N, C-alpha and C. Protein backbone atom coordinates (compact mmCIF):
# COMPACT_ATOMS: atom_id res chain seq x y z
N MET A 1 43.46 -26.01 61.79
CA MET A 1 43.79 -24.60 61.59
C MET A 1 45.15 -24.61 61.27
N ILE A 2 45.87 -23.75 60.31
CA ILE A 2 47.30 -23.69 59.80
C ILE A 2 47.80 -22.65 60.82
N ASP A 3 48.82 -23.08 61.41
CA ASP A 3 49.74 -22.12 62.04
C ASP A 3 50.33 -21.08 61.26
N VAL A 4 50.01 -19.85 61.46
CA VAL A 4 50.68 -18.76 60.69
C VAL A 4 51.92 -18.31 61.19
N PRO A 5 52.96 -18.53 60.50
CA PRO A 5 54.25 -17.91 60.91
C PRO A 5 54.31 -16.38 61.33
N ASP A 6 55.14 -16.00 62.03
CA ASP A 6 55.36 -14.77 62.49
C ASP A 6 55.99 -13.98 61.29
N VAL A 7 55.30 -12.74 60.93
CA VAL A 7 55.87 -11.92 59.77
C VAL A 7 56.91 -11.12 60.20
N THR A 8 57.16 -10.89 61.55
CA THR A 8 57.96 -9.91 61.94
C THR A 8 59.36 -10.52 61.94
N THR A 9 59.53 -11.85 61.95
CA THR A 9 60.91 -12.39 61.82
C THR A 9 61.19 -12.69 60.54
N LYS A 10 62.57 -12.85 60.09
CA LYS A 10 62.94 -13.38 59.00
C LYS A 10 62.61 -14.73 58.73
N LYS A 11 62.71 -15.67 59.63
CA LYS A 11 62.38 -17.18 59.67
C LYS A 11 61.05 -17.26 59.33
N GLY A 12 60.00 -16.36 59.80
CA GLY A 12 58.59 -16.40 59.69
C GLY A 12 58.32 -16.04 58.33
N ARG A 13 58.86 -15.03 57.69
CA ARG A 13 58.64 -14.53 56.41
C ARG A 13 59.09 -15.69 55.40
N ASP A 14 60.35 -16.22 55.78
CA ASP A 14 60.81 -17.27 54.78
C ASP A 14 59.81 -18.37 54.91
N ALA A 15 59.32 -18.76 55.82
CA ALA A 15 58.49 -19.96 56.11
C ALA A 15 57.20 -19.53 55.39
N ILE A 16 56.71 -18.43 55.38
CA ILE A 16 55.51 -18.06 54.55
C ILE A 16 55.86 -18.17 53.04
N GLY A 17 56.99 -17.55 52.59
CA GLY A 17 57.29 -17.90 51.17
C GLY A 17 57.38 -19.31 50.89
N SER A 18 58.09 -20.02 51.64
CA SER A 18 58.21 -21.43 51.42
C SER A 18 56.83 -22.14 51.18
N LEU A 19 55.81 -21.89 52.15
CA LEU A 19 54.60 -22.59 52.05
C LEU A 19 53.86 -22.24 50.97
N ALA A 20 54.00 -20.80 50.36
CA ALA A 20 53.34 -20.19 49.31
C ALA A 20 53.96 -20.99 48.01
N MET A 21 55.29 -21.30 47.94
CA MET A 21 56.05 -21.87 46.84
C MET A 21 55.44 -23.48 46.84
N LYS A 22 55.15 -24.02 48.06
CA LYS A 22 54.82 -25.52 47.85
C LYS A 22 53.28 -25.45 47.43
N VAL A 23 52.31 -24.35 47.74
CA VAL A 23 51.16 -24.26 47.22
C VAL A 23 51.04 -24.17 45.69
N SER A 24 52.05 -23.31 45.19
CA SER A 24 52.11 -23.01 43.82
C SER A 24 52.54 -24.26 43.04
N LYS A 25 53.52 -24.96 43.60
CA LYS A 25 53.96 -26.28 42.93
C LYS A 25 52.82 -27.11 42.81
N SER A 26 52.10 -27.29 43.85
CA SER A 26 51.09 -28.27 43.98
C SER A 26 50.06 -27.76 43.21
N LYS A 27 49.73 -26.67 42.95
CA LYS A 27 48.74 -26.24 41.87
C LYS A 27 49.09 -26.50 40.70
N THR A 28 50.38 -26.19 40.25
CA THR A 28 50.83 -26.54 38.92
C THR A 28 50.81 -27.91 38.56
N LEU A 29 51.15 -28.69 39.42
CA LEU A 29 51.11 -30.17 39.35
C LEU A 29 49.65 -30.72 39.02
N ILE A 30 48.88 -30.29 39.88
CA ILE A 30 47.34 -30.64 39.63
C ILE A 30 46.74 -30.12 38.13
N GLU A 31 47.20 -28.74 37.95
CA GLU A 31 46.91 -28.35 36.84
C GLU A 31 47.30 -29.15 35.61
N LYS A 32 48.59 -29.50 35.56
CA LYS A 32 49.20 -30.30 34.48
C LYS A 32 48.54 -31.77 34.45
N CYS A 33 48.33 -32.40 35.65
CA CYS A 33 47.60 -33.61 35.63
C CYS A 33 46.22 -33.52 34.92
N GLY A 34 45.50 -32.48 35.32
CA GLY A 34 44.12 -32.18 35.05
C GLY A 34 44.29 -32.05 33.52
N LYS A 35 45.17 -31.28 33.01
CA LYS A 35 45.11 -30.97 31.41
C LYS A 35 45.39 -32.35 30.66
N GLU A 36 46.35 -33.02 31.37
CA GLU A 36 46.72 -34.51 30.76
C GLU A 36 45.46 -35.27 30.59
N LEU A 37 44.73 -35.30 31.83
CA LEU A 37 43.43 -36.09 31.74
C LEU A 37 42.32 -35.54 30.80
N VAL A 38 42.20 -34.40 30.85
CA VAL A 38 41.29 -33.68 29.92
C VAL A 38 41.50 -33.95 28.47
N ALA A 39 42.92 -33.91 28.14
CA ALA A 39 43.46 -34.10 26.77
C ALA A 39 43.10 -35.77 26.42
N GLU A 40 43.35 -36.51 27.33
CA GLU A 40 43.14 -38.04 27.09
C GLU A 40 41.69 -38.25 26.64
N GLN A 41 40.79 -37.62 27.64
CA GLN A 41 39.53 -37.62 27.58
C GLN A 41 38.97 -37.08 26.26
N LYS A 42 39.53 -35.77 25.81
CA LYS A 42 39.06 -35.22 24.71
C LYS A 42 39.56 -36.22 23.36
N ALA A 43 40.56 -36.76 23.55
CA ALA A 43 41.02 -37.66 22.44
C ALA A 43 39.90 -38.86 22.18
N GLN A 44 39.70 -39.52 23.52
CA GLN A 44 38.70 -40.61 23.52
C GLN A 44 37.29 -40.00 22.93
N ILE A 45 36.79 -38.85 23.48
CA ILE A 45 35.55 -38.28 22.91
C ILE A 45 35.70 -38.24 21.36
N LYS A 46 36.88 -37.54 20.84
CA LYS A 46 36.94 -37.59 19.33
C LYS A 46 36.84 -38.65 18.48
N LEU A 47 37.48 -39.77 19.18
CA LEU A 47 37.36 -41.14 18.55
C LEU A 47 36.08 -41.63 18.40
N ILE A 48 35.39 -41.49 19.67
CA ILE A 48 33.95 -41.87 19.74
C ILE A 48 33.28 -41.06 18.75
N ASP A 49 33.10 -39.72 18.64
CA ASP A 49 32.41 -38.85 17.80
C ASP A 49 32.70 -39.23 16.35
N ASP A 50 34.07 -39.35 16.10
CA ASP A 50 34.29 -39.66 14.66
C ASP A 50 33.71 -41.04 14.28
N ASP A 51 33.75 -42.07 15.00
CA ASP A 51 33.04 -43.32 14.84
C ASP A 51 31.58 -43.27 14.68
N ARG A 52 30.95 -42.32 15.51
CA ARG A 52 29.55 -41.98 15.48
C ARG A 52 29.11 -41.49 14.25
N ILE A 53 30.11 -40.32 13.58
CA ILE A 53 29.55 -39.75 12.48
C ILE A 53 29.78 -40.44 11.40
N ALA A 54 30.77 -41.57 11.32
CA ALA A 54 30.97 -42.45 10.22
C ALA A 54 29.70 -43.49 10.32
N ILE A 55 29.41 -43.88 11.32
CA ILE A 55 28.13 -44.90 11.43
C ILE A 55 27.01 -44.36 10.81
N VAL A 56 26.68 -43.03 11.30
CA VAL A 56 25.61 -42.17 11.01
C VAL A 56 25.50 -42.23 9.58
N LYS A 57 26.47 -41.84 8.91
CA LYS A 57 26.64 -41.53 7.38
C LYS A 57 26.24 -42.90 6.80
N LYS A 58 27.00 -44.11 7.32
CA LYS A 58 26.86 -45.46 6.80
C LYS A 58 25.20 -45.76 6.85
N PHE A 59 24.49 -45.46 7.83
CA PHE A 59 23.21 -45.57 8.05
C PHE A 59 22.42 -44.71 7.24
N ASP A 60 22.56 -43.58 7.09
CA ASP A 60 21.99 -42.66 6.00
C ASP A 60 22.18 -43.29 4.65
N GLN A 61 23.19 -43.68 4.12
CA GLN A 61 23.31 -44.29 2.81
C GLN A 61 22.57 -45.44 2.80
N LEU A 62 22.66 -46.34 3.75
CA LEU A 62 21.83 -47.55 3.61
C LEU A 62 20.30 -47.26 3.72
N ARG A 63 19.82 -46.31 4.38
CA ARG A 63 18.50 -45.83 4.39
C ARG A 63 18.10 -45.45 2.80
N ASP A 64 19.08 -44.53 2.25
CA ASP A 64 18.79 -44.17 1.04
C ASP A 64 18.72 -45.14 -0.10
N GLU A 65 19.75 -46.16 -0.09
CA GLU A 65 19.50 -47.33 -0.90
C GLU A 65 18.18 -48.14 -0.71
N ILE A 66 17.84 -48.31 0.40
CA ILE A 66 16.64 -49.07 0.84
C ILE A 66 15.38 -48.10 0.30
N LEU A 67 15.40 -46.89 0.30
CA LEU A 67 14.36 -46.06 -0.14
C LEU A 67 14.30 -45.78 -1.75
N ALA A 68 15.44 -46.06 -2.53
CA ALA A 68 15.75 -45.74 -3.62
C ALA A 68 14.61 -46.26 -4.59
N PRO A 69 14.25 -47.73 -4.54
CA PRO A 69 13.31 -48.07 -5.52
C PRO A 69 11.83 -47.37 -5.11
N ARG A 70 11.48 -47.30 -3.84
CA ARG A 70 10.15 -46.51 -3.68
C ARG A 70 10.34 -45.19 -4.34
N ASP A 71 11.27 -44.31 -4.02
CA ASP A 71 11.46 -43.13 -4.57
C ASP A 71 11.42 -42.85 -5.97
N ALA A 72 12.01 -44.11 -6.75
CA ALA A 72 11.83 -44.12 -8.13
C ALA A 72 10.60 -44.31 -8.75
N TRP A 73 9.97 -45.46 -7.90
CA TRP A 73 8.47 -45.59 -8.46
C TRP A 73 7.66 -44.32 -8.06
N GLU A 74 7.65 -43.69 -6.88
CA GLU A 74 6.84 -42.48 -6.74
C GLU A 74 7.10 -41.43 -7.69
N LYS A 75 8.49 -41.12 -8.21
CA LYS A 75 8.69 -40.17 -9.27
C LYS A 75 8.17 -40.60 -10.55
N ALA A 76 8.16 -42.07 -10.83
CA ALA A 76 7.59 -42.40 -12.23
C ALA A 76 6.31 -42.26 -12.17
N GLU A 77 5.64 -42.50 -11.11
CA GLU A 77 4.12 -42.37 -10.90
C GLU A 77 3.67 -40.70 -10.98
N GLU A 78 4.40 -40.09 -10.22
CA GLU A 78 4.20 -38.61 -10.57
C GLU A 78 4.34 -37.91 -11.81
N ASP A 79 5.29 -38.58 -12.54
CA ASP A 79 5.49 -38.16 -14.07
C ASP A 79 4.27 -38.78 -14.93
N ARG A 80 3.85 -40.04 -14.58
CA ARG A 80 2.77 -40.66 -15.23
C ARG A 80 1.56 -39.78 -15.20
N VAL A 81 1.13 -39.40 -13.97
CA VAL A 81 0.01 -38.82 -13.66
C VAL A 81 0.04 -37.41 -14.09
N ALA A 82 1.22 -36.77 -14.03
CA ALA A 82 1.50 -35.39 -14.77
C ALA A 82 1.18 -35.29 -16.35
N LYS A 83 1.71 -36.44 -16.93
CA LYS A 83 1.51 -36.64 -18.46
C LYS A 83 0.05 -36.78 -18.75
N HIS A 84 -0.73 -37.42 -18.02
CA HIS A 84 -2.16 -37.64 -18.20
C HIS A 84 -2.91 -36.30 -17.99
N THR A 85 -2.67 -35.71 -16.88
CA THR A 85 -3.29 -34.49 -16.33
C THR A 85 -2.93 -33.38 -17.53
N GLY A 86 -1.63 -33.39 -17.71
CA GLY A 86 -1.17 -32.41 -18.76
C GLY A 86 -1.95 -32.68 -20.18
N ALA A 87 -2.13 -33.83 -20.56
CA ALA A 87 -2.86 -33.95 -21.77
C ALA A 87 -4.21 -33.60 -21.70
N ILE A 88 -5.03 -33.72 -20.49
CA ILE A 88 -6.39 -33.20 -20.24
C ILE A 88 -6.38 -31.76 -20.24
N ARG A 89 -5.44 -31.14 -19.72
CA ARG A 89 -5.38 -29.72 -19.66
C ARG A 89 -5.22 -29.15 -21.11
N ALA A 90 -4.47 -29.93 -21.87
CA ALA A 90 -4.19 -29.45 -23.27
C ALA A 90 -5.38 -29.47 -24.15
N ILE A 91 -6.19 -30.68 -23.85
CA ILE A 91 -7.63 -30.85 -24.61
C ILE A 91 -8.47 -29.66 -24.18
N ARG A 92 -8.56 -29.28 -22.79
CA ARG A 92 -9.35 -28.30 -22.45
C ARG A 92 -8.93 -26.96 -22.84
N SER A 93 -7.75 -26.94 -23.04
CA SER A 93 -7.18 -25.35 -23.44
C SER A 93 -7.42 -25.07 -24.83
N LEU A 94 -7.89 -26.03 -25.62
CA LEU A 94 -8.27 -25.70 -27.04
C LEU A 94 -9.28 -24.72 -26.97
N TYR A 95 -10.20 -24.66 -26.08
CA TYR A 95 -11.30 -23.65 -25.84
C TYR A 95 -11.06 -22.96 -24.74
N ASP A 96 -11.00 -21.62 -24.95
CA ASP A 96 -10.95 -20.63 -23.71
C ASP A 96 -11.79 -19.20 -24.25
N GLU A 97 -11.78 -18.22 -23.47
CA GLU A 97 -12.37 -17.04 -23.82
C GLU A 97 -12.05 -16.45 -25.22
N ASN A 98 -10.85 -16.66 -25.64
CA ASN A 98 -10.46 -16.09 -26.73
C ASN A 98 -10.68 -16.80 -28.14
N THR A 99 -11.08 -18.09 -27.95
CA THR A 99 -11.42 -19.01 -29.02
C THR A 99 -12.50 -18.64 -29.85
N ALA A 100 -13.54 -17.86 -29.27
CA ALA A 100 -14.81 -17.57 -30.07
C ALA A 100 -14.34 -16.20 -30.91
N ASN A 101 -13.18 -15.61 -30.51
CA ASN A 101 -12.85 -14.64 -31.45
C ASN A 101 -11.88 -14.99 -32.67
N GLN A 102 -11.37 -16.19 -32.63
CA GLN A 102 -10.69 -16.72 -33.64
C GLN A 102 -11.51 -17.00 -34.96
N GLU A 103 -10.82 -16.95 -36.11
CA GLU A 103 -11.58 -17.00 -37.37
C GLU A 103 -12.10 -18.52 -37.49
N ALA A 104 -13.09 -18.66 -38.30
CA ALA A 104 -13.84 -19.93 -38.24
C ALA A 104 -12.88 -21.07 -38.66
N HIS A 105 -12.00 -20.90 -39.64
CA HIS A 105 -11.02 -21.72 -40.08
C HIS A 105 -10.07 -22.22 -38.99
N VAL A 106 -9.81 -21.36 -38.18
CA VAL A 106 -9.07 -21.72 -36.97
C VAL A 106 -9.69 -22.79 -36.02
N ILE A 107 -10.87 -22.30 -35.84
CA ILE A 107 -11.60 -23.16 -34.96
C ILE A 107 -11.91 -24.53 -35.57
N LYS A 108 -12.17 -24.74 -36.74
CA LYS A 108 -12.21 -25.83 -37.44
C LYS A 108 -11.12 -26.74 -37.29
N GLY A 109 -9.90 -26.05 -37.43
CA GLY A 109 -8.54 -26.79 -37.24
C GLY A 109 -8.59 -27.36 -35.75
N TYR A 110 -8.98 -26.60 -34.89
CA TYR A 110 -9.03 -27.14 -33.45
C TYR A 110 -10.03 -28.37 -33.41
N ILE A 111 -11.11 -28.23 -34.05
CA ILE A 111 -12.18 -29.40 -33.88
C ILE A 111 -11.57 -30.55 -34.72
N PHE A 112 -10.96 -30.36 -35.84
CA PHE A 112 -10.24 -31.30 -36.64
C PHE A 112 -9.34 -32.18 -35.80
N ASP A 113 -8.35 -31.35 -35.32
CA ASP A 113 -7.23 -31.96 -34.38
C ASP A 113 -7.80 -32.74 -32.98
N LEU A 114 -8.75 -32.29 -32.43
CA LEU A 114 -9.46 -32.80 -31.31
C LEU A 114 -10.16 -34.01 -31.77
N GLU A 115 -11.02 -34.22 -32.91
CA GLU A 115 -11.61 -35.14 -33.41
C GLU A 115 -10.69 -36.33 -33.58
N LYS A 116 -9.57 -35.97 -34.08
CA LYS A 116 -8.52 -37.07 -34.57
C LYS A 116 -7.84 -37.64 -33.32
N LEU A 117 -7.87 -36.90 -32.05
CA LEU A 117 -7.24 -37.49 -30.76
C LEU A 117 -7.92 -38.74 -30.33
N GLU A 118 -7.26 -39.91 -30.14
CA GLU A 118 -7.70 -40.92 -29.66
C GLU A 118 -7.52 -41.12 -28.13
N VAL A 119 -8.90 -41.06 -27.45
CA VAL A 119 -8.85 -41.32 -26.04
C VAL A 119 -9.13 -42.69 -25.77
N ASP A 120 -8.07 -43.45 -25.42
CA ASP A 120 -8.25 -44.97 -25.27
C ASP A 120 -7.59 -45.16 -23.83
N SER A 121 -7.39 -46.53 -23.76
CA SER A 121 -6.86 -46.97 -22.48
C SER A 121 -5.36 -46.66 -22.21
N SER A 122 -4.70 -45.99 -23.20
CA SER A 122 -3.35 -45.40 -22.92
C SER A 122 -3.59 -44.31 -21.86
N PHE A 123 -4.72 -43.84 -21.79
CA PHE A 123 -4.94 -42.66 -20.63
C PHE A 123 -5.15 -43.32 -19.21
N GLU A 124 -5.17 -44.74 -19.05
CA GLU A 124 -5.27 -45.48 -17.99
C GLU A 124 -6.49 -45.00 -17.00
N GLU A 125 -6.23 -44.77 -15.75
CA GLU A 125 -7.41 -44.44 -15.09
C GLU A 125 -7.95 -42.96 -15.40
N PHE A 126 -7.34 -42.19 -16.15
CA PHE A 126 -7.80 -41.00 -16.54
C PHE A 126 -8.53 -40.97 -17.84
N GLU A 127 -8.90 -42.20 -18.31
CA GLU A 127 -9.47 -42.32 -19.65
C GLU A 127 -10.90 -41.52 -19.59
N GLN A 128 -11.62 -41.79 -18.46
CA GLN A 128 -12.99 -41.37 -18.52
C GLN A 128 -12.93 -39.80 -18.43
N GLU A 129 -12.11 -39.39 -17.49
CA GLU A 129 -11.84 -37.80 -17.54
C GLU A 129 -11.53 -37.21 -18.98
N ALA A 130 -10.58 -37.84 -19.54
CA ALA A 130 -10.16 -37.37 -20.86
C ALA A 130 -11.25 -37.44 -21.82
N LYS A 131 -12.13 -38.48 -21.76
CA LYS A 131 -13.31 -38.44 -22.83
C LYS A 131 -14.17 -37.39 -22.47
N ILE A 132 -14.47 -37.13 -21.20
CA ILE A 132 -15.38 -36.13 -20.86
C ILE A 132 -14.77 -34.68 -21.32
N ALA A 133 -13.47 -34.46 -21.05
CA ALA A 133 -12.68 -33.21 -21.54
C ALA A 133 -12.81 -33.15 -22.92
N LYS A 134 -12.72 -34.12 -23.61
CA LYS A 134 -12.81 -34.19 -25.31
C LYS A 134 -14.06 -33.83 -25.80
N PHE A 135 -15.22 -34.40 -25.08
CA PHE A 135 -16.60 -34.14 -25.46
C PHE A 135 -16.92 -32.84 -25.25
N GLU A 136 -16.76 -32.27 -23.86
CA GLU A 136 -17.03 -30.83 -23.47
C GLU A 136 -16.52 -29.92 -24.46
N THR A 137 -15.16 -30.10 -24.71
CA THR A 137 -14.43 -29.05 -25.54
C THR A 137 -14.82 -29.09 -26.92
N LEU A 138 -15.10 -30.32 -27.60
CA LEU A 138 -15.78 -30.46 -28.85
C LEU A 138 -16.90 -29.60 -28.80
N GLU A 139 -17.76 -29.86 -27.90
CA GLU A 139 -19.36 -29.04 -27.77
C GLU A 139 -19.01 -27.64 -27.81
N LYS A 140 -17.97 -27.00 -27.00
CA LYS A 140 -17.74 -25.72 -26.84
C LYS A 140 -17.23 -25.12 -28.06
N LEU A 141 -16.29 -25.85 -28.71
CA LEU A 141 -15.67 -25.51 -30.05
C LEU A 141 -16.72 -25.61 -31.11
N ARG A 142 -17.62 -26.37 -31.33
CA ARG A 142 -18.70 -26.43 -32.27
C ARG A 142 -19.64 -25.23 -32.14
N THR A 143 -20.03 -24.87 -30.86
CA THR A 143 -20.81 -23.84 -30.54
C THR A 143 -20.19 -22.49 -31.10
N ALA A 144 -18.96 -22.40 -30.74
CA ALA A 144 -18.13 -21.18 -30.92
C ALA A 144 -17.87 -21.18 -32.52
N LEU A 145 -17.84 -22.35 -33.21
CA LEU A 145 -17.67 -22.19 -34.75
C LEU A 145 -18.84 -21.84 -35.30
N ALA A 146 -20.29 -22.35 -34.73
CA ALA A 146 -21.41 -21.87 -35.30
C ALA A 146 -21.70 -20.48 -35.16
N SER A 147 -21.37 -20.03 -34.00
CA SER A 147 -21.32 -18.59 -33.81
C SER A 147 -20.42 -17.68 -34.64
N ARG A 148 -19.37 -18.24 -34.61
CA ARG A 148 -18.31 -17.48 -35.51
C ARG A 148 -18.70 -17.50 -37.03
N GLU A 149 -19.22 -18.62 -37.51
CA GLU A 149 -19.56 -18.72 -38.93
C GLU A 149 -20.92 -17.72 -39.03
N LYS A 150 -21.74 -17.61 -38.19
CA LYS A 150 -22.89 -16.72 -38.33
C LYS A 150 -22.33 -15.18 -38.39
N TYR A 151 -21.43 -15.05 -37.52
CA TYR A 151 -20.81 -13.64 -37.51
C TYR A 151 -20.19 -13.27 -38.71
N GLU A 152 -19.32 -14.29 -39.26
CA GLU A 152 -18.52 -14.05 -40.57
C GLU A 152 -19.66 -13.81 -41.56
N ALA A 153 -20.76 -14.65 -41.70
CA ALA A 153 -21.68 -14.52 -42.64
C ALA A 153 -22.32 -13.17 -42.52
N GLU A 154 -22.67 -12.72 -41.34
CA GLU A 154 -23.31 -11.31 -41.14
C GLU A 154 -22.27 -10.30 -41.69
N GLN A 155 -21.04 -10.40 -41.46
CA GLN A 155 -20.03 -9.46 -41.77
C GLN A 155 -19.84 -9.40 -43.24
N ALA A 156 -19.94 -10.63 -43.88
CA ALA A 156 -19.89 -10.84 -45.45
C ALA A 156 -21.15 -10.06 -45.94
N GLU A 157 -22.18 -10.32 -45.47
CA GLU A 157 -23.50 -9.72 -46.06
C GLU A 157 -23.50 -8.16 -45.66
N LEU A 158 -23.00 -7.57 -44.64
CA LEU A 158 -22.80 -6.39 -44.56
C LEU A 158 -21.84 -5.57 -45.51
N GLU A 159 -20.69 -6.50 -45.73
CA GLU A 159 -19.79 -5.91 -46.62
C GLU A 159 -20.35 -5.95 -48.01
N ARG A 160 -21.19 -6.86 -48.40
CA ARG A 160 -21.87 -6.97 -49.83
C ARG A 160 -22.76 -5.80 -50.09
N LEU A 161 -23.51 -5.44 -48.80
CA LEU A 161 -24.42 -4.37 -48.90
C LEU A 161 -23.74 -3.01 -49.07
N ARG A 162 -22.71 -2.88 -48.24
CA ARG A 162 -21.88 -1.65 -48.44
C ARG A 162 -21.33 -1.50 -49.79
N LYS A 163 -20.85 -2.65 -50.48
CA LYS A 163 -20.40 -2.44 -51.80
C LYS A 163 -21.57 -2.12 -52.65
N GLU A 164 -22.66 -2.79 -52.45
CA GLU A 164 -23.92 -2.39 -53.33
C GLU A 164 -24.18 -0.87 -53.30
N GLN A 165 -24.18 -0.40 -51.89
CA GLN A 165 -24.55 0.89 -51.55
C GLN A 165 -23.73 1.85 -52.26
N LEU A 166 -22.21 1.59 -52.23
CA LEU A 166 -21.15 2.35 -52.95
C LEU A 166 -21.40 2.41 -54.42
N GLU A 167 -21.78 1.15 -54.86
CA GLU A 167 -22.03 1.15 -56.44
C GLU A 167 -23.10 1.90 -56.97
N ARG A 168 -24.18 1.86 -55.94
CA ARG A 168 -25.59 2.59 -56.26
C ARG A 168 -25.30 3.98 -56.18
N GLU A 169 -24.47 4.56 -55.21
CA GLU A 169 -24.23 5.78 -55.05
C GLU A 169 -23.22 6.48 -56.15
N GLN A 170 -22.38 5.49 -56.59
CA GLN A 170 -21.46 5.89 -57.66
C GLN A 170 -22.20 6.05 -59.01
N ARG A 171 -23.29 5.14 -59.25
CA ARG A 171 -24.03 5.26 -60.48
C ARG A 171 -25.01 6.40 -60.36
N GLU A 172 -25.46 6.68 -59.14
CA GLU A 172 -26.36 7.90 -59.14
C GLU A 172 -25.43 9.14 -59.32
N ARG A 173 -24.25 9.15 -58.75
CA ARG A 173 -23.27 10.47 -59.13
C ARG A 173 -23.22 10.49 -60.58
N ASP A 174 -22.79 9.24 -61.25
CA ASP A 174 -22.43 9.30 -62.59
C ASP A 174 -23.68 9.68 -63.35
N GLU A 175 -24.84 9.25 -63.09
CA GLU A 175 -26.17 9.72 -63.78
C GLU A 175 -26.38 11.17 -63.64
N ARG A 176 -26.19 11.54 -62.51
CA ARG A 176 -26.37 13.01 -62.17
C ARG A 176 -25.35 13.82 -62.90
N ILE A 177 -24.05 13.55 -62.87
CA ILE A 177 -23.28 14.16 -63.61
C ILE A 177 -23.56 14.16 -65.16
N ALA A 178 -23.87 13.06 -65.55
CA ALA A 178 -24.24 12.86 -67.19
C ALA A 178 -25.41 13.65 -67.40
N LYS A 179 -26.44 13.66 -66.50
CA LYS A 179 -27.68 14.68 -66.63
C LYS A 179 -27.45 16.11 -66.65
N GLU A 180 -26.61 16.39 -65.73
CA GLU A 180 -26.08 17.92 -65.52
C GLU A 180 -25.33 18.22 -66.80
N ALA A 181 -24.52 17.43 -67.35
CA ALA A 181 -23.76 17.62 -68.73
C ALA A 181 -24.73 17.80 -69.66
N ALA A 182 -25.75 16.78 -69.80
CA ALA A 182 -26.58 17.00 -70.87
C ALA A 182 -27.67 18.19 -70.84
N ASP A 183 -27.96 18.61 -69.63
CA ASP A 183 -28.68 19.76 -69.26
C ASP A 183 -27.83 20.81 -69.76
N LYS A 184 -26.77 21.18 -69.28
CA LYS A 184 -25.77 22.12 -69.64
C LYS A 184 -25.64 22.44 -71.05
N ALA A 185 -25.44 21.11 -71.77
CA ALA A 185 -25.26 21.07 -73.24
C ALA A 185 -26.50 21.40 -73.98
N ARG A 186 -27.65 21.14 -73.54
CA ARG A 186 -28.97 21.54 -73.95
C ARG A 186 -29.26 23.03 -73.87
N ILE A 187 -28.82 23.43 -72.79
CA ILE A 187 -29.07 24.83 -72.49
C ILE A 187 -28.11 25.68 -73.36
N GLU A 188 -27.09 25.39 -73.52
CA GLU A 188 -25.81 26.00 -74.53
C GLU A 188 -26.50 25.89 -75.83
N ALA A 189 -26.93 24.72 -76.32
CA ALA A 189 -27.37 24.51 -77.51
C ALA A 189 -28.72 25.69 -77.99
N GLU A 190 -29.72 25.63 -76.74
CA GLU A 190 -30.71 26.40 -76.98
C GLU A 190 -30.28 27.89 -76.96
N ALA A 191 -29.32 28.35 -76.33
CA ALA A 191 -28.92 29.72 -76.24
C ALA A 191 -28.09 29.87 -77.57
């Protein structure tokens, strides 16, 4: 236990002040030493952390270099598959719900283009799928063409009948007018 000096005497008060000064100096010294130790530790940690970050970056670069051939192959494979599936989609897109509304010559153009399309081993493993797409699309186009040609023939026949009707009506009007004029002329002549 610490002897507490007597505060009622000058000597006691001076002793208390001196003791407090010693405690403050000790605290300052410990604080200074602690800060120096912490600064040294922080510097060491920073060096270790900088080395760790540099090594991690090098390993990431190495990993990326190792993966590059595989990634390039996967991208090329993805592009190759996309090219074939895109070609098959293009074949199938020649026939849709609007194709039947196209004029016959347009549908014939689709058929001509599709018949010219060579489906061979260049389609690789998609060759069979491309052949099926071509066959099915040609069937749909030919059905649409037959339907459209029938429709256009019916429309042409209706137009021909309308023209005949108009010509007949015009002849009848002309005959009626001529007859009325003749009747009027005869009545006037008789009068």
